[in-house]
Amino acid sequence: MSVPPPPTTTAAAATHKWRFGYGSNLGLKTLREKKQLSVKSYHVGTIKGYELYFMPGLNEYVEPAWAAIRPSPHAELHGSAFLIPNDEADGLDKQEAGYNVVDVAFTSYDGEAFNVGLYVPKKPYVEGVSSEATPSYRYLKLLRDGAREGGLAEHWLDMLDSVEHYTTPSHVREKTLQLIEEFHSDESRRDELWSAEKLALHDGSDPDNFPTCTSIMQYVVQIEKKTWIFGSWKGHNVTRRNLCQFNGKSLDANDIRHDEPGYRPLPKLSDCSDEEREYLMQSLEGQLHRGGVIVAQLQPFLADQS
C-alpha cells in the first residue's frame, strides 16, 4: 500500500516528519482513526539490521507485551513509513516514551529509499538478561490486521500468525473468581452501590479522603496506593474505554465521562463478543492481582444491563 509518493520538497521536510511503524503504529487505519494522525504519505517496506520481538508490557494480566526491536545484522524489519506533521510526530514520540527515535534508512517495496524515524527501545536488549513476553490477543490482532491492510510480505504475515497470544493461566482466573465471590459474600461490601458521581470523587485528587478507584464492568475497585494506573482510569468506569481500545477506536474521541452527554447507557455485556468480555475480565484482573480491592458495584452499570 502507498499513499501518495514521498514528498521531496524542502517545505514538506520542514513541516513533516517520517516515522516507522512495526507494532501498534503499523496500520494506516489505526494511525488515522485510533491515533487521529494526519498521515500525508504512507509506504510499506523494510529496514535492515533489526529484528522484531516482544518485550514485557505495562500489565502482565491484560497487556503483557509490546512490540520491540533489537539489532540483528542479517535481519530485515518489515513495517510502514508514514509522514505526519511535526507537532503530531512530537506528540507520538511522547506517547512512545519508552523508545528513542533513531534516524535509519528505509526502502519501500516499490523501491523508494529515504530516511525515517525508528522507535528503538530505550532499554537495549541484552542476550541472556533481557526478558521476552507474550502479547495479548488484542495487540497481536492489531499487528496482524495492520500488516494485512498494508500488504506486507507473505512471510511476514506468516511469522505474525505463528506468534502465540497471551491466555489467562487457570490459577490466575481461579483467584479472580475467588476475589469476586469473596466480595459478594462479604456483608460489609456486597450491598454497596455507587453512583457515577460518587465514583468521580475518587479520581486521585484527594486520596486521603477519597482513595483512588476505578470501575471495570460493574465492579468498583480501590487501587493499591503504590500501584500506577492511567489518569484517565481514575474515578471513571473504563468499560467503554476498554472496548474502544480492544476494537481499535480512538479513546479520546469515543470515551465519555459521567458528566458528558452520551455517558448512558453504559455498554451491555450481553452485546459484547466472547473476546471483548475476556478482555474486560483481564482488565479487571490487571487491578485485582496488583493489590486492588472490590469495594462496591456501580449502580448505573447494573441498571443499563437490563
Protein backbone atom coordinates (compact mmCIF):
# COMPACT_ATOMS: atom_id res chain seq x y z
CA MET A 1 0.00 0.00 0.00
CA SER A 2 1.22 3.50 -0.86
CA VAL A 3 -0.44 6.91 -0.39
CA PRO A 4 0.91 9.08 -2.13
CA PRO A 5 4.64 9.20 -3.14
CA PRO A 6 7.08 10.62 -0.58
CA PRO A 7 7.44 14.39 -0.87
CA THR A 8 10.92 15.67 -1.60
CA THR A 9 10.39 19.39 -1.21
CA THR A 10 12.20 21.38 1.43
CA ALA A 11 8.86 22.77 2.59
CA ALA A 12 7.50 19.29 3.33
CA ALA A 13 10.70 18.34 5.15
CA ALA A 14 10.37 21.43 7.32
CA THR A 15 6.77 20.80 8.34
CA HIS A 16 6.53 16.99 8.49
CA LYS A 17 8.47 14.03 9.86
CA TRP A 18 8.73 10.41 8.83
CA ARG A 19 8.11 7.71 11.41
CA PHE A 20 8.21 3.92 11.02
CA GLY A 21 5.60 1.57 12.46
CA TYR A 22 6.13 -2.10 13.23
CA GLY A 23 3.79 -2.50 16.22
CA SER A 24 0.68 -0.53 17.14
CA ASN A 25 1.71 2.18 14.63
CA LEU A 26 1.74 -0.21 11.69
CA GLY A 27 -1.71 0.08 10.11
CA LEU A 28 -2.91 3.16 8.23
CA LYS A 29 -6.45 2.77 9.60
CA THR A 30 -5.13 2.73 13.16
CA LEU A 31 -2.94 5.76 12.55
CA ARG A 32 -5.80 7.80 11.13
CA GLU A 33 -8.79 6.57 13.15
CA LYS A 34 -7.46 5.50 16.54
CA LYS A 35 -4.43 7.76 16.85
CA GLN A 36 -6.05 10.64 14.95
CA LEU A 37 -2.92 11.35 12.92
CA SER A 38 -2.96 13.34 9.66
CA VAL A 39 -0.97 10.90 7.53
CA LYS A 40 0.20 12.68 4.38
CA SER A 41 2.13 9.76 2.89
CA TYR A 42 2.28 6.05 3.75
CA HIS A 43 4.54 3.30 2.40
CA VAL A 44 5.30 -0.27 3.40
CA GLY A 45 8.79 -1.68 3.21
CA THR A 46 11.84 -2.71 5.18
CA ILE A 47 14.68 -1.57 7.41
CA LYS A 48 17.83 -3.66 7.52
CA GLY A 49 19.69 -4.66 10.67
CA TYR A 50 16.80 -5.08 13.13
CA GLU A 51 14.50 -7.93 14.15
CA LEU A 52 11.12 -7.91 15.86
CA TYR A 53 10.48 -9.35 19.32
CA PHE A 54 8.04 -8.70 22.18
CA MET A 55 9.20 -7.09 25.41
CA PRO A 56 7.29 -7.04 28.73
CA GLY A 57 4.42 -4.52 28.77
CA LEU A 58 2.76 -2.43 31.48
CA ASN A 59 0.47 -5.08 32.96
CA GLU A 60 1.18 -8.80 32.81
CA TYR A 61 -2.53 -9.68 33.20
CA VAL A 62 -4.03 -7.74 30.32
CA GLU A 63 -1.34 -6.24 28.04
CA PRO A 64 1.71 -8.33 28.88
CA ALA A 65 3.88 -7.36 25.92
CA TRP A 66 4.67 -4.64 23.37
CA ALA A 67 6.45 -4.92 20.04
CA ALA A 68 10.14 -4.11 20.24
CA ILE A 69 13.22 -4.46 18.07
CA ARG A 70 16.82 -5.44 18.62
CA PRO A 71 19.89 -5.18 16.38
CA SER A 72 20.50 -8.20 14.19
CA PRO A 73 22.98 -7.73 11.34
CA HIS A 74 21.32 -10.08 8.84
CA ALA A 75 17.68 -9.36 9.74
CA GLU A 76 15.13 -7.25 7.92
CA LEU A 77 12.30 -5.45 9.71
CA HIS A 78 9.01 -5.05 7.81
CA GLY A 79 6.54 -2.27 8.51
CA SER A 80 5.23 1.11 7.41
CA ALA A 81 6.77 4.53 6.88
CA PHE A 82 4.31 7.37 7.43
CA LEU A 83 4.68 11.13 7.09
CA ILE A 84 2.91 13.29 9.68
CA PRO A 85 3.04 16.96 10.76
CA ASN A 86 5.83 17.91 13.13
CA ASP A 87 3.51 18.56 16.08
CA GLU A 88 1.84 15.17 15.65
CA ALA A 89 5.23 13.47 15.39
CA ASP A 90 6.33 15.17 18.60
CA GLY A 91 3.11 14.01 20.29
CA LEU A 92 3.58 10.45 19.07
CA ASP A 93 7.17 10.48 20.33
CA LYS A 94 5.86 11.41 23.78
CA GLN A 95 3.33 8.57 23.65
CA GLU A 96 6.17 6.20 22.78
CA ALA A 97 8.14 7.36 25.80
CA GLY A 98 9.88 4.03 26.24
CA TYR A 99 11.58 4.36 22.87
CA ASN A 100 14.24 6.57 21.31
CA VAL A 101 13.73 7.87 17.77
CA VAL A 102 16.67 6.77 15.62
CA ASP A 103 17.21 8.00 12.06
CA VAL A 104 17.61 4.99 9.75
CA ALA A 105 17.38 4.09 6.06
CA PHE A 106 14.05 2.73 4.79
CA THR A 107 13.31 1.09 1.45
CA SER A 108 9.74 0.68 0.26
CA TYR A 109 8.52 -2.40 -1.57
CA ASP A 110 8.27 -0.09 -4.59
CA GLY A 111 11.98 0.75 -4.39
CA GLU A 112 11.72 4.25 -2.87
CA ALA A 113 14.57 4.93 -0.40
CA PHE A 114 14.58 7.63 2.28
CA ASN A 115 15.28 8.03 5.99
CA VAL A 116 12.68 7.55 8.73
CA GLY A 117 12.49 7.85 12.49
CA LEU A 118 12.55 4.34 14.01
CA TYR A 119 11.32 3.66 17.56
CA VAL A 120 14.10 1.74 19.33
CA PRO A 121 13.58 0.67 22.98
CA LYS A 122 15.49 2.89 25.40
CA LYS A 123 16.42 -0.21 27.36
CA PRO A 124 18.54 -2.21 24.92
CA TYR A 125 18.05 -5.93 24.59
CA VAL A 126 20.81 -7.95 26.27
CA GLU A 127 21.09 -11.60 25.30
CA GLY A 128 20.60 -13.86 28.32
CA VAL A 129 19.48 -10.95 30.52
CA SER A 130 16.53 -9.22 28.86
CA SER A 131 13.09 -10.79 29.06
CA GLU A 132 10.63 -11.52 26.30
CA ALA A 133 6.86 -11.76 26.76
CA THR A 134 3.66 -12.91 25.07
CA PRO A 135 1.39 -10.23 23.55
CA SER A 136 -2.34 -10.03 24.17
CA TYR A 137 -4.86 -11.24 21.61
CA ARG A 138 -5.92 -7.61 21.07
CA TYR A 139 -2.39 -6.35 20.48
CA LEU A 140 -1.36 -9.21 18.21
CA LYS A 141 -4.55 -8.81 16.16
CA LEU A 142 -3.69 -5.12 15.75
CA LEU A 143 -0.32 -6.06 14.23
CA ARG A 144 -1.81 -8.77 12.00
CA ASP A 145 -4.62 -6.54 10.74
CA GLY A 146 -2.23 -3.65 10.08
CA ALA A 147 0.19 -5.91 8.24
CA ARG A 148 -2.57 -7.31 6.01
CA GLU A 149 -4.07 -3.88 5.41
CA GLY A 150 -0.67 -2.59 4.26
CA GLY A 151 0.08 -5.65 2.15
CA LEU A 152 3.27 -6.71 3.95
CA ALA A 153 5.25 -9.63 2.60
CA GLU A 154 3.61 -13.06 2.90
CA HIS A 155 6.43 -14.47 5.03
CA TRP A 156 5.97 -11.56 7.48
CA LEU A 157 2.25 -12.29 7.73
CA ASP A 158 3.05 -15.97 8.35
CA MET A 159 5.51 -15.01 11.08
CA LEU A 160 2.92 -12.82 12.85
CA ASP A 161 0.30 -15.57 12.52
CA SER A 162 2.69 -18.02 14.19
CA VAL A 163 3.07 -15.90 17.34
CA GLU A 164 1.01 -17.18 20.27
CA HIS A 165 -1.14 -14.72 22.21
CA TYR A 166 -1.50 -14.43 25.98
CA THR A 167 -4.11 -16.67 27.59
CA THR A 168 -5.00 -16.16 31.25
CA PRO A 169 -3.48 -19.02 33.29
CA SER A 170 -6.07 -21.13 35.10
CA HIS A 171 -4.67 -20.28 38.55
CA VAL A 172 -4.99 -16.55 37.82
CA ARG A 173 -8.60 -16.86 36.68
CA GLU A 174 -9.47 -19.07 39.65
CA LYS A 175 -8.06 -16.43 42.01
CA THR A 176 -10.02 -13.69 40.21
CA LEU A 177 -13.28 -15.60 40.58
CA GLN A 178 -12.45 -16.22 44.23
CA LEU A 179 -11.95 -12.48 44.85
CA ILE A 180 -15.26 -11.70 43.16
CA GLU A 181 -17.02 -14.37 45.22
CA GLU A 182 -15.45 -13.01 48.41
CA PHE A 183 -16.87 -9.59 47.58
CA HIS A 184 -20.39 -10.96 47.05
CA SER A 185 -20.14 -12.95 50.30
CA ASP A 186 -18.87 -10.05 52.41
CA GLU A 187 -21.77 -8.40 54.22
CA SER A 188 -19.78 -5.21 54.68
CA ARG A 189 -19.27 -4.75 50.92
CA ARG A 190 -21.76 -6.72 48.84
CA ASP A 191 -24.69 -4.29 49.10
CA GLU A 192 -22.58 -1.20 48.44
CA LEU A 193 -23.82 0.61 45.34
CA TRP A 194 -22.06 3.69 43.99
CA SER A 195 -23.31 6.35 41.64
CA ALA A 196 -21.11 7.66 38.84
CA GLU A 197 -20.89 10.94 40.78
CA LYS A 198 -19.53 9.16 43.86
CA LEU A 199 -17.01 7.25 41.76
CA ALA A 200 -15.84 10.53 40.22
CA LEU A 201 -14.84 11.81 43.67
CA HIS A 202 -12.24 9.04 43.79
CA ASP A 203 -10.20 10.46 40.91
CA GLY A 204 -6.92 10.64 42.81
CA SER A 205 -7.11 14.38 43.53
CA ASP A 206 -7.80 13.82 47.27
CA PRO A 207 -6.55 10.30 48.06
CA ASP A 208 -6.62 10.80 51.84
CA ASN A 209 -10.38 11.40 51.88
CA PHE A 210 -11.32 9.63 48.66
CA PRO A 211 -8.96 6.72 47.89
CA THR A 212 -8.29 6.32 44.19
CA CYS A 213 -10.77 3.99 42.49
CA THR A 214 -11.68 2.84 39.02
CA SER A 215 -14.57 0.75 37.74
CA ILE A 216 -14.49 -2.14 35.29
CA MET A 217 -17.81 -3.68 34.27
CA GLN A 218 -19.99 -3.42 37.39
CA TYR A 219 -17.15 -3.52 39.89
CA VAL A 220 -15.63 -0.53 41.67
CA VAL A 221 -12.01 -1.28 42.53
CA GLN A 222 -9.96 0.65 45.07
CA ILE A 223 -6.41 0.92 43.77
CA GLU A 224 -3.43 0.00 45.90
CA LYS A 225 -1.61 3.24 46.79
CA LYS A 226 1.69 2.14 45.28
CA THR A 227 0.10 0.87 42.06
CA TRP A 228 0.27 3.11 38.99
CA ILE A 229 -2.78 3.39 36.71
CA PHE A 230 -3.63 5.70 33.85
CA GLY A 231 -5.01 9.05 34.99
CA SER A 232 -7.94 8.55 32.63
CA TRP A 233 -8.97 5.47 34.64
CA LYS A 234 -9.24 7.26 37.95
CA GLY A 235 -12.77 7.96 39.17
CA HIS A 236 -14.19 6.52 35.94
CA ASN A 237 -15.89 3.40 34.63
CA VAL A 238 -13.48 2.25 31.92
CA THR A 239 -15.63 -0.46 30.32
CA ARG A 240 -16.39 1.68 27.25
CA ARG A 241 -12.77 2.84 27.11
CA ASN A 242 -11.51 -0.76 27.25
CA LEU A 243 -13.86 -1.77 24.45
CA CYS A 244 -12.65 1.15 22.33
CA GLN A 245 -9.08 0.01 22.97
CA PHE A 246 -9.93 -3.57 22.04
CA ASN A 247 -11.64 -2.52 18.80
CA GLY A 248 -9.02 -0.02 17.68
CA LYS A 249 -11.13 3.10 18.17
CA SER A 250 -9.87 6.47 19.34
CA LEU A 251 -10.05 6.61 23.13
CA ASP A 252 -10.17 10.39 23.31
CA ALA A 253 -12.89 10.64 20.67
CA ASN A 254 -15.13 7.85 21.96
CA ASP A 255 -14.67 7.57 25.73
CA ILE A 256 -17.33 9.50 27.67
CA ARG A 257 -17.08 10.74 31.27
CA HIS A 258 -20.04 10.66 33.63
CA ASP A 259 -20.79 14.39 33.26
CA GLU A 260 -20.70 14.39 29.45
CA PRO A 261 -23.60 13.81 27.03
CA GLY A 262 -23.92 10.19 25.93
CA TYR A 263 -22.45 8.60 29.07
CA ARG A 264 -25.60 6.49 29.48
CA PRO A 265 -26.34 3.82 28.62
CA LEU A 266 -23.12 2.09 29.60
CA PRO A 267 -22.06 -0.89 27.47
CA LYS A 268 -24.13 -4.05 27.84
CA LEU A 269 -22.07 -7.17 28.41
CA SER A 270 -24.66 -9.22 26.55
CA ASP A 271 -23.85 -7.19 23.42
CA CYS A 272 -20.13 -7.94 23.71
CA SER A 273 -18.34 -10.75 21.91
CA ASP A 274 -16.61 -13.50 23.88
CA GLU A 275 -13.27 -11.88 23.04
CA GLU A 276 -14.43 -8.48 24.29
CA ARG A 277 -15.74 -9.93 27.55
CA GLU A 278 -12.48 -11.78 28.06
CA TYR A 279 -10.53 -8.55 27.54
CA LEU A 280 -12.70 -6.82 30.16
CA MET A 281 -12.11 -9.67 32.60
CA GLN A 282 -8.37 -9.46 32.00
CA SER A 283 -8.57 -5.71 32.62
CA LEU A 284 -10.24 -6.40 35.96
CA GLU A 285 -7.58 -8.98 36.76
CA GLY A 286 -4.93 -6.38 35.99
CA GLN A 287 -6.14 -4.41 39.02
CA LEU A 288 -7.20 -7.17 41.42
CA HIS A 289 -3.92 -9.06 41.08
CA ARG A 290 -1.89 -5.93 41.77
CA GLY A 291 -3.45 -5.14 45.13
CA GLY A 292 -6.80 -3.69 44.07
CA VAL A 293 -9.90 -4.49 46.15
CA ILE A 294 -13.54 -4.54 45.04
CA VAL A 295 -15.35 -2.08 47.31
CA ALA A 296 -18.72 -1.67 45.57
CA GLN A 297 -20.76 -2.15 42.42
CA LEU A 298 -21.59 0.70 40.06
CA GLN A 299 -25.34 1.26 40.09
CA PRO A 300 -25.69 2.81 36.59
CA PHE A 301 -23.76 -0.05 35.02
CA LEU A 302 -26.04 -2.61 36.65
CA ALA A 303 -29.12 -0.65 35.61
CA ASP A 304 -28.00 -0.49 31.98
CA GLN A 305 -27.55 -4.26 31.69
CA SER A 306 -31.29 -4.90 31.54
